[in-house]
């Protein structure tokens, strides 16, 4: 009984303090996702335009969550989760969205984002099942997942001259 309480406290405290968790659904790669801890579960928003992808999480109903240390970035704990999609407009959805909207950075539509989330996105709860996994020995490094994001372009040819002129003036 004591071990279960300690595990639950570790999962809650680590997940609450970390703004980013790695979530892996069955047969899908692990993804770094931002979340908030609310009412005993990690809440996520995604699968809509401009939001984080949540591939396969709703369909599978389960996920493996790995929490990193906010200080050092290393893995602290892994835990099994039951994935529950919240119905837009429900009491649970409103409560989760109230917490999520305060943590959403750089929303393109400001206060109207909650209406967009109701129309176009999914809000999920990752509820701990009580199963805490052991951390692997290796680093688990993998190549980045494909993304439509672009990389930096080469610097313009005239930029070095502009920078050197400013240094000479000073």
Protein backbone atom coordinates (compact mmCIF):
# COMPACT_ATOMS: atom_id res chain seq x y z
CA UNK A 1 0.00 0.00 0.00
CA UNK A 2 2.79 2.43 0.91
CA UNK A 3 4.59 1.71 -2.36
CA UNK A 4 1.42 2.52 -4.33
CA UNK A 5 1.02 5.84 -2.51
CA UNK A 6 4.65 6.75 -3.12
CA UNK A 7 4.36 5.84 -6.80
CA UNK A 8 1.20 7.93 -7.15
CA UNK A 9 2.85 10.88 -5.39
CA UNK A 10 5.95 10.58 -7.62
CA UNK A 11 3.86 10.48 -10.80
CA UNK A 12 1.75 13.45 -9.75
CA UNK A 13 4.57 15.64 -8.49
CA UNK A 14 6.94 14.92 -11.39
CA UNK A 15 4.24 15.40 -14.03
CA UNK A 16 2.89 18.53 -12.38
CA UNK A 17 6.32 20.18 -12.34
CA UNK A 18 7.33 19.19 -15.86
CA UNK A 19 5.83 21.25 -18.67
CA UNK A 20 6.71 18.56 -21.20
CA UNK A 21 6.10 14.81 -21.19
CA UNK A 22 6.97 12.09 -23.69
CA UNK A 23 3.84 10.17 -24.67
CA UNK A 24 3.80 6.95 -26.67
CA UNK A 25 0.70 5.16 -27.86
CA UNK A 26 0.83 1.50 -28.96
CA UNK A 27 2.65 1.21 -32.29
CA UNK A 28 3.38 4.94 -32.48
CA UNK A 29 6.62 6.79 -31.78
CA UNK A 30 7.00 8.73 -28.54
CA UNK A 31 6.29 12.45 -28.88
CA UNK A 32 7.12 15.36 -26.64
CA UNK A 33 3.83 17.04 -25.66
CA UNK A 34 3.02 20.03 -23.48
CA UNK A 35 0.35 19.45 -20.88
CA UNK A 36 -1.10 20.57 -17.58
CA UNK A 37 -1.77 18.43 -14.54
CA UNK A 38 -5.42 18.81 -13.52
CA UNK A 39 -7.67 16.75 -11.27
CA UNK A 40 -5.33 13.76 -11.09
CA UNK A 41 -4.42 13.51 -14.79
CA UNK A 42 -2.25 15.06 -17.47
CA UNK A 43 -4.46 17.07 -19.85
CA UNK A 44 -3.48 17.67 -23.48
CA UNK A 45 -4.92 19.54 -26.43
CA UNK A 46 -4.06 18.73 -30.03
CA UNK A 47 -4.92 17.12 -33.35
CA UNK A 48 -6.08 20.40 -34.82
CA UNK A 49 -4.62 23.18 -36.95
CA UNK A 50 -1.71 24.83 -35.18
CA UNK A 51 -1.75 22.39 -32.27
CA UNK A 52 0.42 19.44 -31.33
CA UNK A 53 -0.24 16.08 -33.03
CA UNK A 54 -1.69 13.29 -30.91
CA UNK A 55 -1.29 10.30 -33.26
CA UNK A 56 -3.06 7.13 -32.21
CA UNK A 57 -3.70 8.15 -28.61
CA UNK A 58 -7.49 8.28 -28.76
CA UNK A 59 -7.84 5.10 -30.81
CA UNK A 60 -5.64 2.99 -28.54
CA UNK A 61 -7.09 4.07 -25.21
CA UNK A 62 -3.71 3.59 -23.52
CA UNK A 63 -0.35 5.33 -23.50
CA UNK A 64 3.05 5.22 -21.86
CA UNK A 65 4.07 8.56 -20.33
CA UNK A 66 7.69 9.40 -19.51
CA UNK A 67 8.34 12.46 -17.37
CA UNK A 68 11.60 14.37 -17.46
CA UNK A 69 13.24 16.43 -14.77
CA UNK A 70 12.65 20.14 -15.18
CA UNK A 71 16.11 20.86 -13.75
CA UNK A 72 18.35 18.35 -15.50
CA UNK A 73 16.16 17.10 -18.35
CA UNK A 74 16.71 13.42 -17.47
CA UNK A 75 13.95 10.84 -17.12
CA UNK A 76 12.33 10.72 -13.70
CA UNK A 77 9.45 8.27 -14.04
CA UNK A 78 7.43 6.35 -16.62
CA UNK A 79 3.80 5.51 -16.03
CA UNK A 80 0.94 3.83 -17.85
CA UNK A 81 -2.09 5.95 -18.68
CA UNK A 82 -5.66 5.43 -19.73
CA UNK A 83 -6.54 7.92 -22.48
CA UNK A 84 -9.93 9.61 -22.20
CA UNK A 85 -11.21 12.11 -24.76
CA UNK A 86 -13.28 14.86 -23.18
CA UNK A 87 -16.48 15.91 -24.95
CA UNK A 88 -16.47 19.61 -25.93
CA UNK A 89 -18.67 21.66 -23.65
CA UNK A 90 -18.82 19.05 -20.87
CA UNK A 91 -17.97 20.06 -17.33
CA UNK A 92 -14.70 18.08 -17.42
CA UNK A 93 -13.79 19.65 -20.80
CA UNK A 94 -14.44 23.18 -19.52
CA UNK A 95 -12.31 22.57 -16.40
CA UNK A 96 -9.42 21.09 -18.41
CA UNK A 97 -9.55 23.84 -21.04
CA UNK A 98 -9.57 26.46 -18.30
CA UNK A 99 -6.21 25.13 -17.15
CA UNK A 100 -4.81 24.50 -20.65
CA UNK A 101 -5.54 27.96 -22.04
CA UNK A 102 -3.39 29.55 -19.34
CA UNK A 103 -0.41 27.45 -20.42
CA UNK A 104 -0.83 27.73 -24.21
CA UNK A 105 1.91 29.96 -25.54
CA UNK A 106 1.66 31.99 -28.74
CA UNK A 107 -1.89 31.03 -29.65
CA UNK A 108 -2.70 32.52 -33.06
CA UNK A 109 -6.25 33.44 -32.07
CA UNK A 110 -5.87 34.59 -28.44
CA UNK A 111 -9.01 34.23 -26.35
CA UNK A 112 -10.91 32.61 -29.24
CA UNK A 113 -8.67 29.53 -29.00
CA UNK A 114 -11.10 27.67 -26.73
CA UNK A 115 -13.83 27.97 -29.36
CA UNK A 116 -11.38 26.64 -31.99
CA UNK A 117 -10.42 23.79 -29.66
CA UNK A 118 -14.10 22.85 -29.29
CA UNK A 119 -14.60 22.85 -33.09
CA UNK A 120 -11.33 21.44 -34.43
CA UNK A 121 -9.21 19.84 -31.69
CA UNK A 122 -9.24 17.08 -29.14
CA UNK A 123 -8.77 17.52 -25.41
CA UNK A 124 -7.45 14.38 -23.73
CA UNK A 125 -6.92 13.25 -20.16
CA UNK A 126 -4.07 10.83 -19.50
CA UNK A 127 -5.17 9.17 -16.28
CA UNK A 128 -2.52 7.16 -14.38
CA UNK A 129 -3.46 3.50 -14.06
CA UNK A 130 -1.17 2.96 -11.08
CA UNK A 131 1.43 1.04 -13.09
CA UNK A 132 4.82 2.70 -12.80
CA UNK A 133 7.39 1.36 -15.24
CA UNK A 134 11.08 0.92 -14.71
CA UNK A 135 13.32 3.31 -16.55
CA UNK A 136 15.47 1.84 -19.35
CA UNK A 137 19.26 1.70 -19.08
CA UNK A 138 20.10 3.26 -22.46
CA UNK A 139 19.62 6.80 -23.68
CA UNK A 140 16.88 5.86 -26.19
CA UNK A 141 18.13 8.54 -28.61
CA UNK A 142 16.39 8.39 -31.99
CA UNK A 143 16.44 10.55 -35.10
CA UNK A 144 13.85 13.36 -35.08
CA UNK A 145 10.39 12.57 -36.45
CA UNK A 146 9.51 14.04 -39.87
CA UNK A 147 7.97 17.50 -39.64
CA UNK A 148 6.76 20.23 -42.01
CA UNK A 149 8.86 22.75 -40.03
CA UNK A 150 11.70 24.31 -41.96
CA UNK A 151 15.32 24.90 -41.06
CA UNK A 152 17.17 28.18 -41.26
CA UNK A 153 18.12 29.51 -44.64
CA UNK A 154 21.73 30.53 -45.37
CA UNK A 155 22.51 34.06 -44.19
CA UNK A 156 22.27 36.81 -46.80
CA UNK A 157 25.57 37.57 -48.56
CA UNK A 158 25.64 41.21 -47.40
CA UNK A 159 25.06 40.49 -43.71
CA UNK A 160 28.71 40.00 -42.69
CA UNK A 161 29.62 43.43 -44.16
CA UNK A 162 26.80 45.06 -42.20
CA UNK A 163 27.89 43.44 -38.97
CA UNK A 164 31.54 44.39 -39.47
CA UNK A 165 30.61 48.05 -40.14
CA UNK A 166 28.77 48.22 -36.79
CA UNK A 167 31.76 46.85 -34.89
CA UNK A 168 34.15 49.38 -36.49
CA UNK A 169 31.92 52.30 -35.49
CA UNK A 170 31.92 51.30 -31.83
